[in-house]
Amino acid sequence: EMNELTGINHLDVWVSAKNLKSKGRRSNRTNLGIKCLRTLICDLAVSGSLIKSREDWNECTLDQLGHIQSGNSLTKVVKKNKYSNNIGRPYLATADIGYGFEELNYDTGVNIPTEGDTLKTAKENSVLICSEGGSAGRKCGITQMDIAFGNKLYSLTPGKKINSKFLL
């Protein structure tokens, strides 16, 4: 059950974050106050202190929330010879994905025809996540249209009642 005094019990952290920030220009002290506040919020959320009850929550796996798939691998030659300057859905690679809620780059010059092609499609409002290298788990975003995507990306297309912003 939620502790009604959660905010009061940690008032020092709330106040110090505000006071440090209000002292003027950004400094390490400001960042420290905000960092402490973020840590407190995360700790309270994990412990269940930010909500009254978890009775209405269901534990599930990501595949129960929607359709998960990896993308297709296309060589530079295939991209250039078969898919350059086409009309169709854009083909996105890791380089076209930002960090979090940044807009994706759809102007890649590589487009997959909507008819007669078997490349995997991430539907509009799907979550894309980079799966390899230094960007793994860091580069991610939400599609604003149907796209084809590279093999180093995974998509999660949520079910009808799921808002993709909460999955990102």
Protein backbone atom coordinates (compact mmCIF):
# COMPACT_ATOMS: atom_id res chain seq x y z
CA GLU A 1 0.00 0.00 0.00
CA MET A 2 1.17 3.50 -0.82
CA ASN A 3 2.86 5.46 1.93
CA GLU A 4 0.75 8.65 2.17
CA LEU A 5 3.80 10.57 3.41
CA THR A 6 6.20 9.51 0.64
CA GLY A 7 6.80 13.11 -0.47
CA ILE A 8 7.22 14.38 3.08
CA ASN A 9 9.56 11.54 4.06
CA HIS A 10 11.94 12.60 1.27
CA LEU A 11 11.32 16.34 1.40
CA ASP A 12 15.04 17.05 1.74
CA VAL A 13 15.73 15.56 -1.71
CA TRP A 14 12.80 17.39 -3.35
CA VAL A 15 13.83 20.73 -1.81
CA SER A 16 17.55 20.33 -2.47
CA ALA A 17 16.92 19.60 -6.15
CA LYS A 18 14.80 22.75 -6.49
CA ASN A 19 17.17 24.91 -4.43
CA LEU A 20 20.25 23.75 -6.29
CA LYS A 21 18.59 24.44 -9.62
CA SER A 22 17.33 27.87 -8.58
CA LYS A 23 20.82 29.18 -7.70
CA GLY A 24 21.45 30.25 -11.27
CA ARG A 25 23.52 28.84 -14.08
CA ARG A 26 23.74 25.11 -14.63
CA SER A 27 26.47 23.54 -12.62
CA ASN A 28 27.51 20.21 -11.19
CA ARG A 29 25.45 21.08 -8.11
CA THR A 30 22.34 21.50 -10.28
CA ASN A 31 22.96 18.21 -12.02
CA LEU A 32 23.58 16.52 -8.66
CA GLY A 33 20.23 17.77 -7.29
CA ILE A 34 18.35 16.59 -10.37
CA LYS A 35 20.24 13.27 -10.32
CA CYS A 36 19.25 12.70 -6.67
CA LEU A 37 15.62 13.51 -7.50
CA ARG A 38 15.61 11.10 -10.46
CA THR A 39 17.15 8.37 -8.31
CA LEU A 40 14.50 8.93 -5.62
CA ILE A 41 11.64 8.75 -8.13
CA CYS A 42 13.07 5.57 -9.64
CA ASP A 43 13.55 3.97 -6.21
CA LEU A 44 10.01 4.87 -5.16
CA ALA A 45 8.60 3.51 -8.41
CA VAL A 46 10.48 0.21 -8.11
CA SER A 47 9.39 -0.22 -4.49
CA GLY A 48 5.76 0.43 -5.41
CA SER A 49 5.51 3.59 -3.31
CA LEU A 50 4.26 5.81 -6.15
CA ILE A 51 1.03 3.92 -6.73
CA LYS A 52 -1.72 2.90 -4.34
CA SER A 53 -2.02 -0.69 -5.50
CA ARG A 54 -0.66 -3.06 -8.10
CA GLU A 55 -3.79 -5.19 -8.08
CA ASP A 56 -4.90 -3.84 -11.46
CA TRP A 57 -1.52 -4.48 -13.07
CA ASN A 58 -0.71 -7.63 -15.01
CA GLU A 59 2.80 -8.93 -15.47
CA CYS A 60 3.50 -9.93 -19.06
CA THR A 61 6.26 -10.37 -21.60
CA LEU A 62 6.86 -7.99 -24.51
CA ASP A 63 5.56 -10.50 -27.04
CA GLN A 64 2.22 -10.43 -25.22
CA LEU A 65 2.00 -6.68 -25.86
CA GLY A 66 2.46 -6.89 -29.61
CA HIS A 67 4.34 -8.34 -32.55
CA ILE A 68 8.17 -8.46 -32.32
CA GLN A 69 10.41 -8.95 -35.35
CA SER A 70 13.91 -8.23 -36.58
CA GLY A 71 14.55 -6.45 -39.86
CA ASN A 72 16.01 -7.56 -43.16
CA SER A 73 19.63 -7.38 -44.28
CA LEU A 74 20.22 -5.58 -47.56
CA THR A 75 23.63 -5.15 -49.15
CA LYS A 76 24.67 -1.76 -50.50
CA VAL A 77 24.49 -3.16 -54.03
CA VAL A 78 20.91 -4.39 -53.58
CA LYS A 79 19.85 -1.12 -51.98
CA LYS A 80 21.33 0.85 -54.87
CA ASN A 81 20.26 -1.36 -57.77
CA LYS A 82 16.84 -2.56 -56.61
CA TYR A 83 15.46 -0.07 -54.10
CA SER A 84 16.98 3.38 -54.78
CA ASN A 85 14.62 6.10 -55.96
CA ASN A 86 11.55 3.88 -55.70
CA ILE A 87 8.14 4.86 -54.45
CA GLY A 88 7.12 2.92 -51.37
CA ARG A 89 7.85 2.60 -47.70
CA PRO A 90 11.24 3.90 -46.53
CA TYR A 91 13.96 1.45 -45.49
CA LEU A 92 15.57 2.57 -42.22
CA ALA A 93 18.91 1.49 -40.78
CA THR A 94 20.48 2.17 -37.39
CA ALA A 95 21.93 5.46 -38.72
CA ASP A 96 18.36 6.71 -39.29
CA ILE A 97 17.28 6.16 -35.68
CA GLY A 98 17.76 8.74 -32.92
CA TYR A 99 17.72 8.48 -29.14
CA GLY A 100 14.27 8.08 -27.66
CA PHE A 101 11.64 10.51 -28.84
CA GLU A 102 13.73 12.08 -31.62
CA GLU A 103 12.10 11.95 -35.04
CA LEU A 104 13.31 9.14 -37.29
CA ASN A 105 14.97 9.92 -40.65
CA TYR A 106 12.59 8.70 -43.36
CA ASP A 107 14.43 10.42 -46.23
CA THR A 108 16.96 7.62 -46.80
CA GLY A 109 16.79 7.33 -50.60
CA VAL A 110 15.92 3.64 -50.22
CA ASN A 111 12.23 2.77 -50.60
CA ILE A 112 10.58 -0.63 -50.71
CA PRO A 113 7.60 -1.06 -53.05
CA THR A 114 4.40 -1.74 -51.14
CA GLU A 115 3.31 -4.44 -53.58
CA GLY A 116 5.15 -7.65 -54.41
CA ASP A 117 7.98 -7.42 -51.90
CA THR A 118 8.53 -9.71 -48.92
CA LEU A 119 10.65 -7.47 -46.69
CA LYS A 120 9.36 -7.13 -43.14
CA THR A 121 7.28 -4.08 -42.30
CA ALA A 122 7.08 -2.19 -39.04
CA LYS A 123 3.65 -0.58 -38.93
CA GLU A 124 3.00 3.02 -37.94
CA ASN A 125 3.44 3.54 -34.15
CA SER A 126 5.84 0.61 -33.82
CA VAL A 127 8.78 0.91 -31.43
CA LEU A 128 12.21 0.42 -33.09
CA ILE A 129 15.23 -0.59 -31.00
CA CYS A 130 18.83 -0.98 -32.14
CA SER A 131 20.18 -4.41 -31.19
CA GLU A 132 23.93 -4.34 -31.91
CA GLY A 133 27.08 -2.39 -31.16
CA GLY A 134 27.47 0.66 -28.99
CA SER A 135 24.00 1.89 -29.90
CA ALA A 136 22.24 -1.29 -28.73
CA GLY A 137 19.29 -0.34 -26.55
CA ARG A 138 20.21 3.35 -26.78
CA LYS A 139 19.01 4.15 -30.29
CA CYS A 140 15.25 3.77 -30.42
CA GLY A 141 12.15 5.54 -31.63
CA ILE A 142 8.54 5.31 -32.72
CA THR A 143 7.58 5.05 -36.38
CA GLN A 144 5.23 7.67 -37.81
CA MET A 145 4.47 5.54 -40.89
CA ASP A 146 4.89 1.97 -42.15
CA ILE A 147 8.55 1.25 -42.88
CA ALA A 148 10.97 -1.53 -43.84
CA PHE A 149 14.01 -1.76 -41.58
CA GLY A 150 17.50 -3.20 -41.27
CA ASN A 151 18.59 -6.41 -39.58
CA LYS A 152 20.26 -4.64 -36.64
CA LEU A 153 16.89 -3.25 -35.58
CA TYR A 154 13.93 -4.86 -33.85
CA SER A 155 10.38 -3.61 -34.01
CA LEU A 156 7.58 -4.05 -31.52
CA THR A 157 4.19 -3.28 -33.03
CA PRO A 158 1.87 -2.90 -30.05
CA GLY A 159 -1.66 -4.24 -29.78
CA LYS A 160 -4.65 -1.92 -30.23
CA LYS A 161 -4.97 -0.87 -26.58
CA ILE A 162 -1.25 -0.19 -26.03
CA ASN A 163 0.31 3.25 -26.49
CA SER A 164 3.79 2.83 -27.98
CA LYS A 165 5.08 5.84 -26.01
CA PHE A 166 4.80 3.76 -22.84
CA LEU A 167 6.88 0.97 -24.41
CA LEU A 168 9.67 3.29 -25.48
